PDB file of all heavy atoms in Angstrom:
ATOM      1  N   SER A   1      27.244 -42.589 -36.267  1.00  0.00           N
ATOM      2  CA  SER A   1      25.869 -42.112 -35.952  1.00  0.00           C
ATOM      3  C   SER A   1      26.102 -40.994 -34.863  1.00  0.00           C
ATOM      4  O   SER A   1      27.068 -40.846 -34.297  1.00  0.00           O
ATOM      5  CB  SER A   1      25.141 -43.300 -35.282  1.00  0.00           C
ATOM      6  OG  SER A   1      25.665 -43.677 -34.083  1.00  0.00           O
ATOM      7  N   PRO A   2      25.006 -40.139 -34.775  1.00  0.00           N
ATOM      8  CA  PRO A   2      25.090 -39.153 -33.733  1.00  0.00           C
ATOM      9  C   PRO A   2      25.434 -39.646 -32.346  1.00  0.00           C
ATOM     10  O   PRO A   2      26.185 -39.032 -31.659  1.00  0.00           O
ATOM     11  CB  PRO A   2      23.643 -38.549 -33.835  1.00  0.00           C
ATOM     12  CG  PRO A   2      23.226 -38.793 -35.240  1.00  0.00           C
ATOM     13  CD  PRO A   2      23.765 -40.103 -35.580  1.00  0.00           C
ATOM     14  N   ARG A   3      24.853 -40.746 -32.028  1.00  0.00           N
ATOM     15  CA  ARG A   3      25.084 -41.275 -30.595  1.00  0.00           C
ATOM     16  C   ARG A   3      26.506 -41.655 -30.449  1.00  0.00           C
ATOM     17  O   ARG A   3      27.242 -41.444 -29.551  1.00  0.00           O
ATOM     18  CB  ARG A   3      24.086 -42.490 -30.317  1.00  0.00           C
ATOM     19  CG  ARG A   3      24.372 -43.077 -29.005  1.00  0.00           C
ATOM     20  CD  ARG A   3      23.349 -44.145 -28.679  1.00  0.00           C
ATOM     21  NE  ARG A   3      23.490 -44.741 -27.325  1.00  0.00           N
ATOM     22  CZ  ARG A   3      22.812 -45.744 -26.838  1.00  0.00           C
ATOM     23  NH1 ARG A   3      21.826 -46.247 -27.567  1.00  0.00           N
ATOM     24  NH2 ARG A   3      23.068 -46.182 -25.687  1.00  0.00           N
ATOM     25  N   ALA A   4      27.083 -42.410 -31.445  1.00  0.00           N
ATOM     26  CA  ALA A   4      28.410 -42.901 -31.351  1.00  0.00           C
ATOM     27  C   ALA A   4      29.306 -41.793 -31.538  1.00  0.00           C
ATOM     28  O   ALA A   4      30.418 -41.807 -30.796  1.00  0.00           O
ATOM     29  CB  ALA A   4      28.676 -43.956 -32.542  1.00  0.00           C
ATOM     30  N   GLY A   5      29.070 -40.845 -32.374  1.00  0.00           N
ATOM     31  CA  GLY A   5      29.994 -39.586 -32.447  1.00  0.00           C
ATOM     32  C   GLY A   5      30.036 -38.824 -31.238  1.00  0.00           C
ATOM     33  O   GLY A   5      31.049 -38.390 -30.752  1.00  0.00           O
ATOM     34  N   ARG A   6      28.813 -38.627 -30.654  1.00  0.00           N
ATOM     35  CA  ARG A   6      28.757 -37.913 -29.387  1.00  0.00           C
ATOM     36  C   ARG A   6      29.642 -38.584 -28.285  1.00  0.00           C
ATOM     37  O   ARG A   6      30.468 -37.967 -27.517  1.00  0.00           O
ATOM     38  CB  ARG A   6      27.299 -37.881 -28.838  1.00  0.00           C
ATOM     39  CG  ARG A   6      27.198 -37.034 -27.545  1.00  0.00           C
ATOM     40  CD  ARG A   6      25.750 -37.162 -27.085  1.00  0.00           C
ATOM     41  NE  ARG A   6      25.423 -38.559 -26.683  1.00  0.00           N
ATOM     42  CZ  ARG A   6      24.167 -39.003 -26.603  1.00  0.00           C
ATOM     43  NH1 ARG A   6      23.161 -38.241 -27.141  1.00  0.00           N
ATOM     44  NH2 ARG A   6      23.978 -40.142 -26.209  1.00  0.00           N
ATOM     45  N   ARG A   7      29.546 -39.904 -28.135  1.00  0.00           N
ATOM     46  CA  ARG A   7      30.270 -40.678 -27.128  1.00  0.00           C
ATOM     47  C   ARG A   7      31.836 -40.621 -27.361  1.00  0.00           C
ATOM     48  O   ARG A   7      32.568 -40.393 -26.464  1.00  0.00           O
ATOM     49  CB  ARG A   7      29.812 -42.057 -27.053  1.00  0.00           C
ATOM     50  CG  ARG A   7      28.339 -42.337 -26.550  1.00  0.00           C
ATOM     51  CD  ARG A   7      27.900 -43.700 -26.563  1.00  0.00           C
ATOM     52  NE  ARG A   7      28.661 -44.430 -25.487  1.00  0.00           N
ATOM     53  CZ  ARG A   7      28.439 -45.742 -25.110  1.00  0.00           C
ATOM     54  NH1 ARG A   7      27.481 -46.392 -25.829  1.00  0.00           N
ATOM     55  NH2 ARG A   7      29.153 -46.356 -24.257  1.00  0.00           N
ATOM     56  N   LEU A   8      32.284 -40.854 -28.627  1.00  0.00           N
ATOM     57  CA  LEU A   8      33.561 -40.834 -28.965  1.00  0.00           C
ATOM     58  C   LEU A   8      34.117 -39.352 -28.787  1.00  0.00           C
ATOM     59  O   LEU A   8      35.226 -39.070 -28.171  1.00  0.00           O
ATOM     60  CB  LEU A   8      33.820 -41.273 -30.370  1.00  0.00           C
ATOM     61  CG  LEU A   8      35.260 -41.068 -30.893  1.00  0.00           C
ATOM     62  CD1 LEU A   8      36.250 -42.095 -30.086  1.00  0.00           C
ATOM     63  CD2 LEU A   8      35.386 -41.477 -32.336  1.00  0.00           C
ATOM     64  N   GLY A   9      33.430 -38.301 -29.337  1.00  0.00           N
ATOM     65  CA  GLY A   9      33.894 -37.026 -29.241  1.00  0.00           C
ATOM     66  C   GLY A   9      34.049 -36.410 -27.879  1.00  0.00           C
ATOM     67  O   GLY A   9      35.018 -35.850 -27.551  1.00  0.00           O
ATOM     68  N   ARG A  10      33.092 -36.782 -26.978  1.00  0.00           N
ATOM     69  CA  ARG A  10      33.208 -36.284 -25.594  1.00  0.00           C
ATOM     70  C   ARG A  10      34.351 -37.116 -24.768  1.00  0.00           C
ATOM     71  O   ARG A  10      35.043 -36.479 -24.067  1.00  0.00           O
ATOM     72  CB  ARG A  10      31.883 -36.482 -24.878  1.00  0.00           C
ATOM     73  CG  ARG A  10      30.796 -35.552 -25.542  1.00  0.00           C
ATOM     74  CD  ARG A  10      29.417 -35.552 -24.785  1.00  0.00           C
ATOM     75  NE  ARG A  10      28.458 -34.838 -25.521  1.00  0.00           N
ATOM     76  CZ  ARG A  10      27.193 -34.696 -25.126  1.00  0.00           C
ATOM     77  NH1 ARG A  10      26.706 -35.348 -24.026  1.00  0.00           N
ATOM     78  NH2 ARG A  10      26.366 -33.795 -25.774  1.00  0.00           N
ATOM     79  N   TRP A  11      34.529 -38.365 -25.109  1.00  0.00           N
ATOM     80  CA  TRP A  11      35.504 -39.095 -24.415  1.00  0.00           C
ATOM     81  C   TRP A  11      36.897 -38.544 -24.831  1.00  0.00           C
ATOM     82  O   TRP A  11      37.830 -38.391 -23.993  1.00  0.00           O
ATOM     83  CB  TRP A  11      35.397 -40.527 -24.782  1.00  0.00           C
ATOM     84  CG  TRP A  11      36.416 -41.426 -24.008  1.00  0.00           C
ATOM     85  CD1 TRP A  11      36.282 -41.930 -22.772  1.00  0.00           C
ATOM     86  CD2 TRP A  11      37.807 -41.649 -24.430  1.00  0.00           C
ATOM     87  NE1 TRP A  11      37.483 -42.591 -22.390  1.00  0.00           N
ATOM     88  CE2 TRP A  11      38.400 -42.472 -23.509  1.00  0.00           C
ATOM     89  CE3 TRP A  11      38.435 -41.403 -25.578  1.00  0.00           C
ATOM     90  CZ2 TRP A  11      39.699 -42.953 -23.519  1.00  0.00           C
ATOM     91  CZ3 TRP A  11      39.869 -41.982 -25.788  1.00  0.00           C
ATOM     92  CH2 TRP A  11      40.404 -42.701 -24.713  1.00  0.00           C
ATOM     93  N   VAL A  12      37.057 -38.332 -26.130  1.00  0.00           N
ATOM     94  CA  VAL A  12      38.340 -37.798 -26.559  1.00  0.00           C
ATOM     95  C   VAL A  12      38.689 -36.331 -25.982  1.00  0.00           C
ATOM     96  O   VAL A  12      39.737 -36.160 -25.533  1.00  0.00           O
ATOM     97  CB  VAL A  12      38.569 -37.767 -28.083  1.00  0.00           C
ATOM     98  CG1 VAL A  12      39.727 -37.033 -28.588  1.00  0.00           C
ATOM     99  CG2 VAL A  12      38.457 -39.181 -28.618  1.00  0.00           C
ATOM    100  N   ILE A  13      37.716 -35.515 -26.020  1.00  0.00           N
ATOM    101  CA  ILE A  13      37.848 -34.221 -25.460  1.00  0.00           C
ATOM    102  C   ILE A  13      38.244 -34.260 -23.923  1.00  0.00           C
ATOM    103  O   ILE A  13      39.132 -33.517 -23.467  1.00  0.00           O
ATOM    104  CB  ILE A  13      36.593 -33.324 -25.714  1.00  0.00           C
ATOM    105  CG1 ILE A  13      36.417 -32.964 -27.268  1.00  0.00           C
ATOM    106  CG2 ILE A  13      36.590 -32.057 -24.821  1.00  0.00           C
ATOM    107  CD1 ILE A  13      35.123 -32.343 -27.579  1.00  0.00           C
ATOM    108  N   GLY A  14      37.513 -35.085 -23.288  1.00  0.00           N
ATOM    109  CA  GLY A  14      37.821 -35.244 -21.822  1.00  0.00           C
ATOM    110  C   GLY A  14      39.183 -35.740 -21.602  1.00  0.00           C
ATOM    111  O   GLY A  14      39.918 -35.196 -20.665  1.00  0.00           O
ATOM    112  N   ALA A  15      39.596 -36.678 -22.392  1.00  0.00           N
ATOM    113  CA  ALA A  15      40.913 -37.270 -22.161  1.00  0.00           C
ATOM    114  C   ALA A  15      42.070 -36.217 -22.551  1.00  0.00           C
ATOM    115  O   ALA A  15      43.010 -36.135 -21.931  1.00  0.00           O
ATOM    116  CB  ALA A  15      41.086 -38.478 -23.087  1.00  0.00           C
ATOM    117  N   GLY A  16      41.802 -35.515 -23.600  1.00  0.00           N
ATOM    118  CA  GLY A  16      42.637 -34.498 -24.050  1.00  0.00           C
ATOM    119  C   GLY A  16      42.872 -33.391 -23.014  1.00  0.00           C
ATOM    120  O   GLY A  16      43.973 -32.948 -22.772  1.00  0.00           O
ATOM    121  N   PHE A  17      41.833 -32.943 -22.343  1.00  0.00           N
ATOM    122  CA  PHE A  17      41.819 -31.931 -21.449  1.00  0.00           C
ATOM    123  C   PHE A  17      42.545 -32.449 -20.113  1.00  0.00           C
ATOM    124  O   PHE A  17      43.305 -31.715 -19.425  1.00  0.00           O
ATOM    125  CB  PHE A  17      40.498 -31.436 -21.016  1.00  0.00           C
ATOM    126  CG  PHE A  17      39.920 -30.599 -22.117  1.00  0.00           C
ATOM    127  CD1 PHE A  17      38.525 -30.194 -22.152  1.00  0.00           C
ATOM    128  CD2 PHE A  17      40.665 -29.999 -23.070  1.00  0.00           C
ATOM    129  CE1 PHE A  17      38.071 -29.367 -23.115  1.00  0.00           C
ATOM    130  CE2 PHE A  17      40.199 -29.162 -24.136  1.00  0.00           C
ATOM    131  CZ  PHE A  17      38.763 -28.898 -24.114  1.00  0.00           C
ATOM    132  N   ARG A  18      42.424 -33.744 -19.807  1.00  0.00           N
ATOM    133  CA  ARG A  18      43.074 -34.381 -18.609  1.00  0.00           C
ATOM    134  C   ARG A  18      44.611 -34.387 -18.853  1.00  0.00           C
ATOM    135  O   ARG A  18      45.379 -34.087 -18.050  1.00  0.00           O
ATOM    136  CB  ARG A  18      42.655 -35.764 -18.398  1.00  0.00           C
ATOM    137  CG  ARG A  18      41.185 -35.869 -17.729  1.00  0.00           C
ATOM    138  CD  ARG A  18      40.957 -37.235 -17.181  1.00  0.00           C
ATOM    139  NE  ARG A  18      40.908 -38.270 -18.187  1.00  0.00           N
ATOM    140  CZ  ARG A  18      39.773 -38.492 -18.957  1.00  0.00           C
ATOM    141  NH1 ARG A  18      38.719 -37.827 -18.726  1.00  0.00           N
ATOM    142  NH2 ARG A  18      39.854 -39.518 -19.825  1.00  0.00           N
ATOM    143  N   ILE A  19      44.995 -34.718 -20.159  1.00  0.00           N
ATOM    144  CA  ILE A  19      46.383 -34.647 -20.598  1.00  0.00           C
ATOM    145  C   ILE A  19      47.024 -33.212 -20.369  1.00  0.00           C
ATOM    146  O   ILE A  19      48.096 -33.102 -19.845  1.00  0.00           O
ATOM    147  CB  ILE A  19      46.547 -35.283 -21.957  1.00  0.00           C
ATOM    148  CG1 ILE A  19      46.324 -36.674 -21.982  1.00  0.00           C
ATOM    149  CG2 ILE A  19      47.971 -34.926 -22.451  1.00  0.00           C
ATOM    150  CD1 ILE A  19      46.243 -37.186 -23.338  1.00  0.00           C
ATOM    151  N   TYR A  20      46.150 -32.337 -20.768  1.00  0.00           N
ATOM    152  CA  TYR A  20      46.683 -30.868 -20.787  1.00  0.00           C
ATOM    153  C   TYR A  20      46.760 -30.384 -19.331  1.00  0.00           C
ATOM    154  O   TYR A  20      47.868 -29.867 -18.978  1.00  0.00           O
ATOM    155  CB  TYR A  20      45.652 -30.046 -21.538  1.00  0.00           C
ATOM    156  CG  TYR A  20      45.965 -28.482 -21.428  1.00  0.00           C
ATOM    157  CD1 TYR A  20      47.199 -27.994 -21.872  1.00  0.00           C
ATOM    158  CD2 TYR A  20      45.073 -27.635 -20.868  1.00  0.00           C
ATOM    159  CE1 TYR A  20      47.414 -26.688 -21.762  1.00  0.00           C
ATOM    160  CE2 TYR A  20      45.283 -26.341 -20.789  1.00  0.00           C
ATOM    161  CZ  TYR A  20      46.475 -25.756 -21.289  1.00  0.00           C
ATOM    162  OH  TYR A  20      46.730 -24.481 -21.057  1.00  0.00           O
ATOM    163  N   LEU A  21      45.877 -30.620 -18.585  1.00  0.00           N
ATOM    164  CA  LEU A  21      45.911 -30.256 -17.103  1.00  0.00           C
ATOM    165  C   LEU A  21      47.054 -30.962 -16.284  1.00  0.00           C
ATOM    166  O   LEU A  21      47.650 -30.438 -15.504  1.00  0.00           O
ATOM    167  CB  LEU A  21      44.598 -30.421 -16.425  1.00  0.00           C
ATOM    168  CG  LEU A  21      43.289 -29.699 -16.970  1.00  0.00           C
ATOM    169  CD1 LEU A  21      42.164 -29.803 -16.030  1.00  0.00           C
ATOM    170  CD2 LEU A  21      43.665 -28.176 -17.137  1.00  0.00           C
ATOM    171  N   GLY A  22      47.221 -32.237 -16.771  1.00  0.00           N
ATOM    172  CA  GLY A  22      48.322 -32.945 -16.180  1.00  0.00           C
ATOM    173  C   GLY A  22      49.664 -32.394 -16.557  1.00  0.00           C
ATOM    174  O   GLY A  22      50.622 -32.382 -15.766  1.00  0.00           O
ATOM    175  N   PHE A  23      49.731 -31.881 -17.844  1.00  0.00           N
ATOM    176  CA  PHE A  23      51.035 -31.256 -18.218  1.00  0.00           C
ATOM    177  C   PHE A  23      51.204 -29.965 -17.466  1.00  0.00           C
ATOM    178  O   PHE A  23      52.398 -29.739 -16.971  1.00  0.00           O
ATOM    179  CB  PHE A  23      50.909 -30.957 -19.731  1.00  0.00           C
ATOM    180  CG  PHE A  23      52.123 -30.225 -20.322  1.00  0.00           C
ATOM    181  CD1 PHE A  23      53.264 -30.899 -20.558  1.00  0.00           C
ATOM    182  CD2 PHE A  23      52.109 -28.780 -20.433  1.00  0.00           C
ATOM    183  CE1 PHE A  23      54.398 -30.198 -21.058  1.00  0.00           C
ATOM    184  CE2 PHE A  23      53.194 -28.219 -20.876  1.00  0.00           C
ATOM    185  CZ  PHE A  23      54.286 -28.845 -21.326  1.00  0.00           C
ATOM    186  N   LEU A  24      50.125 -29.133 -17.188  1.00  0.00           N
ATOM    187  CA  LEU A  24      50.306 -27.912 -16.547  1.00  0.00           C
ATOM    188  C   LEU A  24      50.767 -28.296 -15.099  1.00  0.00           C
ATOM    189  O   LEU A  24      51.609 -27.526 -14.487  1.00  0.00           O
ATOM    190  CB  LEU A  24      49.011 -27.140 -16.495  1.00  0.00           C
ATOM    191  CG  LEU A  24      48.598 -26.644 -17.818  1.00  0.00           C
ATOM    192  CD1 LEU A  24      47.261 -25.826 -17.635  1.00  0.00           C
ATOM    193  CD2 LEU A  24      49.593 -25.690 -18.491  1.00  0.00           C
ATOM    194  N   THR A  25      50.273 -29.388 -14.475  1.00  0.00           N
ATOM    195  CA  THR A  25      50.695 -29.734 -13.210  1.00  0.00           C
ATOM    196  C   THR A  25      52.104 -30.250 -13.127  1.00  0.00           C
ATOM    197  O   THR A  25      52.908 -29.868 -12.278  1.00  0.00           O
ATOM    198  CB  THR A  25      49.741 -30.866 -12.629  1.00  0.00           C
ATOM    199  OG1 THR A  25      48.423 -30.410 -12.575  1.00  0.00           O
ATOM    200  CG2 THR A  25      50.224 -31.332 -11.264  1.00  0.00           C
ATOM    201  N   LEU A  26      52.512 -30.981 -14.151  1.00  0.00           N
ATOM    202  CA  LEU A  26      53.911 -31.572 -14.158  1.00  0.00           C
ATOM    203  C   LEU A  26      54.867 -30.487 -14.246  1.00  0.00           C
ATOM    204  O   LEU A  26      56.062 -30.587 -13.587  1.00  0.00           O
ATOM    205  CB  LEU A  26      53.929 -32.554 -15.304  1.00  0.00           C
ATOM    206  CG  LEU A  26      55.301 -33.332 -15.566  1.00  0.00           C
ATOM    207  CD1 LEU A  26      55.513 -34.241 -14.346  1.00  0.00           C
ATOM    208  CD2 LEU A  26      55.307 -34.023 -16.871  1.00  0.00           C
ATOM    209  N   THR A  27      54.569 -29.448 -15.099  1.00  0.00           N
ATOM    210  CA  THR A  27      55.652 -28.391 -15.234  1.00  0.00           C
ATOM    211  C   THR A  27      55.512 -27.382 -14.104  1.00  0.00           C
ATOM    212  O   THR A  27      56.351 -26.537 -14.077  1.00  0.00           O
ATOM    213  CB  THR A  27      55.337 -27.680 -16.532  1.00  0.00           C
ATOM    214  OG1 THR A  27      53.936 -27.039 -16.517  1.00  0.00           O
ATOM    215  CG2 THR A  27      55.452 -28.494 -17.699  1.00  0.00           C
ATOM    216  N   GLY A  28      54.613 -27.461 -13.211  1.00  0.00           N
ATOM    217  CA  GLY A  28      54.583 -26.594 -12.023  1.00  0.00           C
ATOM    218  C   GLY A  28      53.917 -25.355 -12.294  1.00  0.00           C
ATOM    219  O   GLY A  28      53.994 -24.336 -11.616  1.00  0.00           O
ATOM    220  N   ALA A  29      53.194 -25.201 -13.542  1.00  0.00           N
ATOM    221  CA  ALA A  29      52.396 -23.970 -13.937  1.00  0.00           C
ATOM    222  C   ALA A  29      51.143 -23.828 -13.132  1.00  0.00           C
ATOM    223  O   ALA A  29      50.775 -22.734 -12.756  1.00  0.00           O
ATOM    224  CB  ALA A  29      52.059 -23.994 -15.492  1.00  0.00           C
TER     225      ALA A  29
END
């Protein structure tokens, strides 16, 4: 449903970006 898709989609995007920024921090970039 639009509501379920929105919640899942935003959660995954947020988690993915946290992983990415964490990687940049870990490598010292």
